[in-house]
Protein backbone atom coordinates (compact mmCIF):
# COMPACT_ATOMS: atom_id res chain seq x y z
CA MET A 1 0.00 0.00 0.00
CA LYS A 2 1.27 3.44 -0.99
CA LEU A 3 0.45 6.66 0.83
CA PRO A 4 -1.41 8.93 0.49
CA ILE A 5 -4.66 7.02 -0.10
CA TYR A 6 -7.20 8.54 -2.47
CA LEU A 7 -10.84 8.25 -1.38
CA ASP A 8 -12.27 11.27 -3.19
CA TYR A 9 -13.33 9.59 -6.44
CA HIS A 10 -16.54 11.66 -6.59
CA ALA A 11 -14.44 14.80 -7.06
CA THR A 12 -12.37 13.36 -9.88
CA THR A 13 -10.75 10.13 -11.00
CA PRO A 14 -7.32 9.26 -12.37
CA VAL A 15 -7.22 8.51 -16.07
CA ASP A 16 -7.32 4.78 -16.66
CA PRO A 17 -4.15 3.65 -18.53
CA ARG A 18 -6.38 2.04 -21.16
CA VAL A 19 -8.07 5.39 -21.73
CA LEU A 20 -4.74 7.19 -21.99
CA GLU A 21 -3.53 4.61 -24.49
CA ALA A 22 -6.54 5.31 -26.70
CA MET A 23 -6.02 9.08 -26.47
CA THR A 24 -2.27 9.32 -27.04
CA PRO A 25 -2.14 9.06 -30.87
CA PHE A 26 -4.49 12.01 -31.20
CA PHE A 27 -2.04 14.37 -29.53
CA THR A 28 0.94 13.74 -31.81
CA GLN A 29 0.06 11.56 -34.83
CA SER A 30 -3.60 11.85 -35.79
CA PHE A 31 -3.76 15.47 -34.66
CA GLY A 32 -6.08 16.82 -37.34
CA ASN A 33 -9.13 18.99 -36.88
CA PRO A 34 -12.30 16.95 -37.54
CA ALA A 35 -13.77 19.99 -39.31
CA SER A 36 -10.96 19.79 -41.91
CA ARG A 37 -12.79 17.76 -44.54
CA GLY A 38 -10.20 18.11 -47.30
CA HIS A 39 -7.38 15.80 -46.16
CA VAL A 40 -6.58 12.58 -44.33
CA PHE A 41 -5.66 14.24 -41.01
CA GLY A 42 -9.14 15.67 -40.73
CA TRP A 43 -10.74 12.42 -41.83
CA GLU A 44 -8.87 10.45 -39.16
CA ALA A 45 -9.94 12.90 -36.46
CA GLU A 46 -13.55 12.87 -37.65
CA ALA A 47 -13.61 9.07 -37.66
CA ALA A 48 -12.27 9.01 -34.10
CA VAL A 49 -14.95 11.46 -32.94
CA ASP A 50 -17.64 9.40 -34.65
CA ALA A 51 -16.38 6.24 -32.93
CA ALA A 52 -16.39 7.94 -29.53
CA ARG A 53 -19.88 9.31 -30.17
CA ALA A 54 -21.05 5.75 -30.80
CA GLN A 55 -19.40 4.56 -27.57
CA VAL A 56 -21.04 7.26 -25.44
CA ALA A 57 -24.41 6.70 -27.11
CA SER A 58 -24.23 2.96 -26.56
CA ALA A 59 -23.39 3.46 -22.87
CA MET A 60 -26.74 5.21 -22.29
CA GLY A 61 -29.01 3.66 -24.91
CA ALA A 62 -29.04 6.74 -27.15
CA GLY A 63 -28.65 7.32 -30.85
CA GLU A 64 -25.25 8.44 -32.10
CA ARG A 65 -26.58 11.74 -33.48
CA GLU A 66 -28.10 12.53 -30.09
CA ILE A 67 -24.68 13.03 -28.45
CA VAL A 68 -23.29 16.59 -28.34
CA PHE A 69 -19.71 16.94 -27.09
CA THR A 70 -18.92 19.76 -24.65
CA SER A 71 -16.10 20.93 -22.39
CA GLY A 72 -17.61 19.12 -19.41
CA ALA A 73 -20.71 18.64 -17.29
CA THR A 74 -21.01 22.29 -16.28
CA GLU A 75 -21.30 23.34 -19.91
CA SER A 76 -23.67 20.45 -20.61
CA ASP A 77 -25.94 21.51 -17.73
CA ASN A 78 -25.88 25.13 -18.88
CA LEU A 79 -26.66 24.17 -22.47
CA ALA A 80 -29.50 21.88 -21.44
CA ILE A 81 -31.20 24.22 -18.97
CA LEU A 82 -30.66 27.58 -20.64
CA GLY A 83 -30.95 26.13 -24.13
CA VAL A 84 -34.35 24.52 -23.58
CA ALA A 85 -35.85 27.30 -21.47
CA ARG A 86 -34.87 30.04 -23.92
CA VAL A 87 -36.70 28.26 -26.71
CA HIS A 88 -39.88 29.09 -24.78
CA ARG A 89 -38.78 32.61 -23.74
CA ARG A 90 -40.81 32.36 -20.54
CA GLY A 91 -42.26 29.69 -18.28
CA HIS A 92 -41.73 27.58 -15.17
CA VAL A 93 -38.83 25.26 -14.30
CA VAL A 94 -38.73 22.56 -11.59
CA THR A 95 -35.52 21.44 -9.91
CA SER A 96 -34.41 20.46 -6.40
CA ALA A 97 -32.46 22.10 -3.60
CA THR A 98 -29.84 19.32 -3.71
CA GLU A 99 -28.71 19.78 -7.30
CA HIS A 100 -25.13 20.56 -8.30
CA SER A 101 -24.24 24.26 -8.46
CA ALA A 102 -24.03 24.03 -12.27
CA VAL A 103 -27.77 23.33 -12.29
CA LEU A 104 -28.74 25.68 -9.47
CA ASP A 105 -26.79 28.60 -10.91
CA SER A 106 -28.31 28.01 -14.36
CA CYS A 107 -31.78 28.08 -12.79
CA ARG A 108 -30.98 31.31 -10.95
CA GLN A 109 -29.93 32.83 -14.26
CA LEU A 110 -33.30 31.86 -15.69
CA GLU A 111 -34.98 33.61 -12.77
CA ARG A 112 -33.09 36.77 -13.71
CA GLU A 113 -34.46 36.36 -17.23
CA GLY A 114 -38.05 36.22 -15.99
CA PHE A 115 -38.65 32.49 -15.55
CA SER A 116 -40.15 31.11 -12.35
CA VAL A 117 -38.30 28.24 -10.68
CA THR A 118 -39.51 25.78 -8.03
CA TYR A 119 -36.78 24.28 -5.84
CA LEU A 120 -38.18 21.05 -4.43
CA THR A 121 -37.34 20.00 -0.86
CA PRO A 122 -36.06 16.42 -0.66
CA GLU A 123 -36.89 13.72 1.85
CA ARG A 124 -34.43 13.13 4.70
CA THR A 125 -32.76 10.50 2.51
CA GLY A 126 -32.22 13.03 -0.29
CA GLU A 127 -34.93 11.55 -2.51
CA ILE A 128 -37.33 13.67 -4.51
CA LEU A 129 -40.52 11.64 -4.61
CA PRO A 130 -42.26 11.37 -8.00
CA GLU A 131 -45.52 12.63 -6.47
CA THR A 132 -43.65 15.70 -5.22
CA VAL A 133 -42.59 16.44 -8.78
CA ARG A 134 -46.11 15.88 -10.10
CA ALA A 135 -47.57 18.29 -7.54
CA ALA A 136 -45.08 21.00 -8.55
CA LEU A 137 -45.97 20.96 -12.26
CA THR A 138 -48.13 23.72 -13.69
CA GLY A 139 -49.50 24.60 -17.08
CA GLU A 140 -46.48 26.86 -17.51
CA THR A 141 -43.80 24.23 -16.73
CA VAL A 142 -41.36 23.83 -19.63
CA LEU A 143 -38.51 21.91 -17.97
CA VAL A 144 -37.79 19.58 -15.05
CA THR A 145 -34.13 19.08 -14.15
CA LEU A 146 -33.20 16.53 -11.48
CA MET A 147 -29.91 14.67 -11.06
CA LEU A 148 -29.54 10.92 -11.51
CA ALA A 149 -27.44 10.53 -8.35
CA ASN A 150 -26.23 13.07 -5.82
CA ASN A 151 -22.54 13.94 -5.83
CA GLU A 152 -22.34 14.36 -2.04
CA ILE A 153 -24.69 11.85 -0.42
CA GLY A 154 -25.00 9.38 -3.29
CA THR A 155 -28.80 9.24 -3.32
CA ILE A 156 -30.20 7.81 -6.55
CA GLN A 157 -33.39 9.46 -7.79
CA ARG A 158 -36.37 7.63 -9.29
CA ILE A 159 -35.55 8.97 -12.72
CA ALA A 160 -37.70 6.56 -14.75
CA GLU A 161 -40.85 7.38 -12.75
CA ILE A 162 -40.20 11.13 -12.84
CA GLY A 163 -39.43 10.96 -16.54
CA ALA A 164 -42.73 9.17 -17.18
CA ILE A 165 -44.62 11.95 -15.37
CA CYS A 166 -42.91 14.58 -17.51
CA ARG A 167 -43.57 12.62 -20.69
CA GLU A 168 -47.29 12.43 -19.86
CA ARG A 169 -47.41 16.21 -19.58
CA GLY A 170 -45.20 16.96 -22.59
CA ILE A 171 -42.55 18.56 -20.36
CA VAL A 172 -38.85 18.29 -21.20
CA PHE A 173 -36.90 16.27 -18.62
CA HIS A 174 -33.17 16.82 -18.06
CA THR A 175 -30.96 14.86 -15.70
CA ASP A 176 -27.46 15.71 -14.54
CA ALA A 177 -26.22 12.13 -14.84
CA VAL A 178 -22.59 12.90 -14.01
CA GLN A 179 -22.18 10.90 -10.78
CA GLY A 180 -24.33 7.94 -11.82
CA PHE A 181 -23.24 7.45 -15.44
CA GLY A 182 -20.96 4.44 -15.71
CA LYS A 183 -21.62 3.40 -12.09
CA ILE A 184 -25.27 2.38 -12.14
CA PRO A 185 -27.50 1.30 -15.05
CA PHE A 186 -28.68 4.29 -17.07
CA ASP A 187 -30.80 4.14 -20.22
CA VAL A 188 -32.33 7.31 -21.62
CA GLU A 189 -35.12 5.43 -23.42
CA ALA A 190 -36.15 3.25 -20.50
CA MET A 191 -35.99 6.22 -18.13
CA ASN A 192 -37.90 8.71 -20.33
CA VAL A 193 -34.99 11.16 -20.30
CA ASP A 194 -34.86 13.97 -22.87
CA LEU A 195 -31.49 15.52 -21.96
CA ALA A 196 -28.59 14.08 -19.95
CA SER A 197 -25.26 15.59 -18.92
CA VAL A 198 -22.14 13.46 -18.46
CA SER A 199 -18.46 14.10 -17.78
CA ALA A 200 -15.31 12.14 -18.61
CA HIS A 201 -13.28 12.84 -15.49
CA LYS A 202 -15.81 11.14 -13.19
CA ILE A 203 -15.36 7.81 -15.02
CA TYR A 204 -11.56 7.60 -15.37
CA GLY A 205 -11.36 9.80 -18.43
CA PRO A 206 -9.67 13.19 -18.91
CA LYS A 207 -10.78 16.52 -17.48
CA GLY A 208 -12.23 19.17 -19.75
CA VAL A 209 -14.58 17.06 -21.85
CA GLY A 210 -18.18 15.96 -21.46
CA ALA A 211 -21.33 15.35 -23.43
CA LEU A 212 -25.00 16.24 -23.54
CA TYR A 213 -27.59 13.77 -24.76
CA VAL A 214 -30.32 15.61 -26.69
CA ARG A 215 -33.37 13.54 -27.70
CA SER A 216 -33.93 13.78 -31.46
CA ARG A 217 -37.26 11.98 -31.84
CA GLN A 218 -40.48 11.05 -30.04
CA PRO A 219 -40.31 13.86 -29.03
CA ARG A 220 -37.55 15.91 -30.62
CA VAL A 221 -36.05 18.38 -28.13
CA ARG A 222 -35.09 21.85 -29.32
CA VAL A 223 -32.05 23.50 -27.70
CA GLU A 224 -30.83 27.02 -28.36
CA PRO A 225 -27.02 27.32 -28.36
CA VAL A 226 -25.35 29.33 -25.61
CA ASN A 227 -22.12 29.95 -27.54
CA PHE A 228 -21.59 30.73 -31.19
CA GLY A 229 -18.99 30.45 -33.92
CA GLY A 230 -18.72 27.68 -36.48
CA GLY A 231 -21.90 25.69 -36.04
CA HIS A 232 -20.18 22.56 -34.75
CA GLU A 233 -22.16 19.71 -33.15
CA ARG A 234 -25.26 20.28 -35.28
CA GLY A 235 -25.22 23.95 -34.35
CA MET A 236 -25.73 23.33 -30.65
CA ARG A 237 -22.14 23.75 -29.46
CA SER A 238 -19.67 25.70 -31.55
CA GLY A 239 -15.93 25.29 -31.06
CA THR A 240 -13.13 23.06 -32.29
CA LEU A 241 -13.64 19.58 -30.93
CA ASN A 242 -11.23 18.27 -28.29
CA VAL A 243 -10.42 15.09 -30.20
CA PRO A 244 -8.08 13.40 -27.65
CA GLY A 245 -10.52 14.21 -24.84
CA ILE A 246 -13.51 12.95 -26.81
CA VAL A 247 -11.68 9.72 -27.62
CA GLY A 248 -10.93 9.40 -23.89
CA LEU A 249 -14.56 9.96 -22.94
CA GLY A 250 -15.70 7.32 -25.39
CA ARG A 251 -13.24 4.71 -24.15
CA ALA A 252 -13.93 5.57 -20.50
CA ALA A 253 -17.68 5.18 -21.02
CA GLU A 254 -17.20 1.85 -22.77
CA LEU A 255 -14.98 0.49 -19.98
CA SER A 256 -17.20 1.74 -17.15
CA VAL A 257 -20.33 0.14 -18.54
CA SER A 258 -18.64 -3.16 -19.43
CA GLU A 259 -17.02 -3.48 -15.99
CA MET A 260 -20.05 -2.27 -13.98
CA PRO A 261 -21.44 -5.77 -13.24
CA ALA A 262 -18.25 -6.68 -11.38
CA GLU A 263 -17.27 -3.25 -10.07
CA ALA A 264 -20.57 -2.27 -8.41
CA PRO A 265 -20.65 -5.31 -6.05
CA ARG A 266 -16.99 -4.76 -5.18
CA MET A 267 -17.72 -1.12 -4.27
CA ARG A 268 -20.67 -2.11 -2.08
CA ARG A 269 -18.55 -4.66 -0.26
CA LEU A 270 -15.73 -2.17 0.37
CA ARG A 271 -18.18 0.52 1.45
CA ALA A 272 -19.80 -1.83 3.98
CA ARG A 273 -16.34 -2.70 5.29
CA LEU A 274 -15.46 0.97 5.73
CA HIS A 275 -18.79 1.87 7.36
CA ASP A 276 -18.70 -1.05 9.78
CA ALA A 277 -15.07 -0.45 10.73
CA ILE A 278 -15.89 3.15 11.70
CA VAL A 279 -19.28 2.84 13.42
CA SER A 280 -18.21 -0.21 15.43
CA ARG A 281 -15.41 1.80 17.05
CA VAL A 282 -16.80 5.30 17.55
CA ASP A 283 -20.28 6.44 18.56
CA ASP A 284 -22.41 9.42 17.49
CA VAL A 285 -21.86 8.79 13.78
CA ALA A 286 -24.75 9.50 11.40
CA LEU A 287 -25.16 8.27 7.82
CA ASN A 288 -26.26 10.99 5.41
CA GLY A 289 -28.41 10.05 2.43
CA ALA A 290 -30.20 6.84 1.59
CA PRO A 291 -29.68 3.81 3.88
CA LEU A 292 -27.01 1.30 2.94
CA PRO A 293 -28.70 -1.59 1.13
CA ALA A 294 -28.58 -5.15 2.35
CA ILE A 295 -25.98 -7.09 0.37
CA ALA A 296 -24.77 -10.66 0.01
CA SER A 297 -21.24 -11.71 0.88
CA ASP A 298 -20.13 -11.08 -2.71
CA GLY A 299 -21.51 -7.52 -2.66
CA ALA A 300 -24.57 -8.29 -4.76
CA LEU A 301 -27.82 -6.67 -3.66
CA ALA A 302 -29.98 -8.90 -1.47
CA GLU A 303 -33.04 -10.30 -3.21
CA GLY A 304 -35.79 -7.74 -3.64
CA VAL A 305 -33.60 -4.81 -2.53
CA ALA A 306 -33.62 -1.65 -4.66
CA GLU A 307 -30.43 0.38 -4.73
CA ARG A 308 -31.08 3.99 -3.74
CA ARG A 309 -27.43 4.95 -3.17
CA LEU A 310 -24.33 4.95 -5.38
CA PRO A 311 -22.30 1.79 -4.63
CA ALA A 312 -19.10 3.72 -3.88
CA ASN A 313 -20.55 6.54 -1.75
CA LEU A 314 -20.38 6.92 2.02
CA ASN A 315 -21.19 10.25 3.70
CA LEU A 316 -20.88 10.37 7.49
CA SER A 317 -21.36 13.08 10.13
CA PHE A 318 -19.33 12.85 13.34
CA GLY A 319 -20.89 14.50 16.40
CA GLY A 320 -18.62 16.66 18.53
CA VAL A 321 -16.04 17.15 15.77
CA GLU A 322 -15.27 20.09 13.47
CA GLY A 323 -15.19 18.89 9.89
CA GLU A 324 -12.22 20.88 8.61
CA ALA A 325 -10.17 19.81 11.62
CA LEU A 326 -11.11 16.23 10.88
CA LEU A 327 -10.03 16.58 7.25
CA VAL A 328 -6.67 18.02 8.32
CA SER A 329 -6.26 15.29 10.96
CA MET A 330 -6.80 12.49 8.47
CA LYS A 331 -3.29 12.70 7.16
CA ASP A 332 -2.50 10.53 4.16
CA VAL A 333 -6.19 9.92 3.37
CA ALA A 334 -7.73 12.16 0.70
CA VAL A 335 -11.44 12.68 1.42
CA SER A 336 -13.72 15.72 1.23
CA SER A 337 -16.41 17.54 3.15
CA GLY A 338 -18.72 17.96 0.14
CA SER A 339 -18.67 18.90 -3.52
CA ALA A 340 -15.26 19.74 -4.95
CA CYS A 341 -16.87 22.66 -6.80
CA THR A 342 -17.86 24.38 -3.53
CA SER A 343 -15.08 23.26 -1.19
CA ALA A 344 -13.68 26.80 -0.87
CA SER A 345 -16.89 27.96 0.82
CA LEU A 346 -17.09 28.21 4.61
CA GLU A 347 -20.81 27.54 4.46
CA PRO A 348 -22.02 24.02 5.30
CA SER A 349 -23.04 21.82 2.40
CA HIS A 350 -26.26 23.02 0.76
CA VAL A 351 -27.12 19.37 0.15
CA LEU A 352 -26.90 18.42 3.82
CA ARG A 353 -28.82 21.53 4.81
CA ALA A 354 -31.56 20.67 2.33
CA ILE A 355 -32.07 17.19 3.81
CA GLY A 356 -32.30 18.63 7.33
CA VAL A 357 -28.83 18.01 8.74
CA PRO A 358 -28.10 20.64 11.45
CA ASP A 359 -25.27 23.04 10.62
CA GLU A 360 -22.98 21.69 13.35
CA LEU A 361 -23.28 18.17 11.94
CA ALA A 362 -23.11 19.35 8.34
CA HIS A 363 -19.79 21.00 9.21
CA ALA A 364 -18.64 17.67 10.69
CA SER A 365 -19.35 15.55 7.64
CA ILE A 366 -16.97 13.56 5.50
CA ARG A 367 -17.62 12.19 2.04
CA PHE A 368 -15.76 8.97 1.26
CA GLY A 369 -15.67 8.23 -2.46
CA LEU A 370 -14.34 4.78 -3.38
CA GLY A 371 -13.07 3.89 -6.81
CA ARG A 372 -11.53 1.53 -9.32
CA TRP A 373 -8.20 1.16 -7.53
CA THR A 374 -9.43 1.15 -3.93
CA THR A 375 -8.29 -1.94 -2.00
CA GLU A 376 -9.33 -3.61 1.25
CA GLU A 377 -5.99 -2.66 2.77
CA GLU A 378 -6.65 1.00 1.97
CA ILE A 379 -10.16 0.77 3.43
CA ASP A 380 -8.84 -0.68 6.70
CA TYR A 381 -6.13 1.96 6.93
CA ALA A 382 -8.55 4.81 6.19
CA ALA A 383 -11.02 3.55 8.80
CA GLY A 384 -8.27 3.42 11.40
CA VAL A 385 -7.12 6.94 10.58
CA ALA A 386 -10.68 8.28 10.76
CA VAL A 387 -11.38 6.62 14.11
CA LYS A 388 -8.16 7.87 15.69
CA ALA A 389 -8.74 11.39 14.36
CA VAL A 390 -12.27 11.52 15.76
CA GLU A 391 -11.16 10.20 19.15
CA ARG A 392 -8.29 12.70 19.35
CA LEU A 393 -10.43 15.66 18.33
CA ARG A 394 -13.25 14.73 20.70
CA ALA A 395 -10.83 14.41 23.58
CA GLY A 396 -9.80 18.04 23.07
CA SER A 397 -13.21 19.42 22.10
CA PRO A 398 -15.09 21.81 24.46
CA LEU A 399 -18.32 20.36 23.04
CA THR A 400 -17.32 16.88 24.12
CA ARG A 401 -16.22 17.98 27.57
CA THR A 402 -19.47 19.89 28.11
CA ALA A 403 -21.55 16.88 27.09
CA GLN A 404 -19.62 14.59 29.40
CA SER A 405 -19.97 16.93 32.37
């Protein structure tokens, strides 16, 4: 085992060597611009982009022409939300209080443009119930945007049921699928999804590249571009395509989906090992998000159990401990206190606040994100470090001393 240990796979992932191998020729050999249609360098690049488009489409049950490449999930979310809403010029949008900031900030921009937005309050588990969505819809609703799985607490939403409700009403349904794509089954047809955002660097691909699925039929979804210049990607996203990154996204998607049947049970087994090793040794530890599912010894879900949490996610709050101090104390173990995109903020996680976690516990929360190269040895070491850090901090905490007295 090598230190430090990385358990922040929700923030980003290392590039899989197989992905890097696929990308490398497109930096130095087949370096053409896919928009250069007059010579072999352009043809090679275009063929590589087409192949990657097919890989991404296959990974989510979409058509190849329904995949639009972007610079990442933030751009995909912006294009989906702003692009659909602006087609209508005015109307009502439904989202939730636990969405990623790329979604929430896009919705706030729509409010500035005159749209009304409903921010749904989740259950304590982080779930947005389908009936809650149905009750929020009005005759003016033009878009519902709800994430597939939460990036902090791992809660998986009932996307298929919510999508069916939207389809009944003729309302466009977008999902930020970034954290779930490649980790849990995701099919845009089966789940009635009209738009879906994904990112390469969450599935062992490179940073700076993502994609947006845009339904092209039954019904066709119209999206106004948010940037201009060249008419690339069927006019929805102008700009020279990042060919090496796109190739990496395609290969990463292919690998993640093909290895999911074996990887998901392994993640559940390691997560259970980490959870049990911590809660069996320290008290006043709360699980944030959906309950951990019952699993068999091989990590498979117990019969009849529905998975409502990402297999590799564990979010815990430690009473009587300050979160930042806990992060600093967990030397040689890379974890986080929430979303990487908001980690500079001193405010407690908006996700934990939304599900009713008190500020003092929200500040004392740690997100463990397991991944492709996580081992049992690393899990045992990380659990030991966490337990010792909590015990040491509690021993010196005024809150702990007051409670004991």
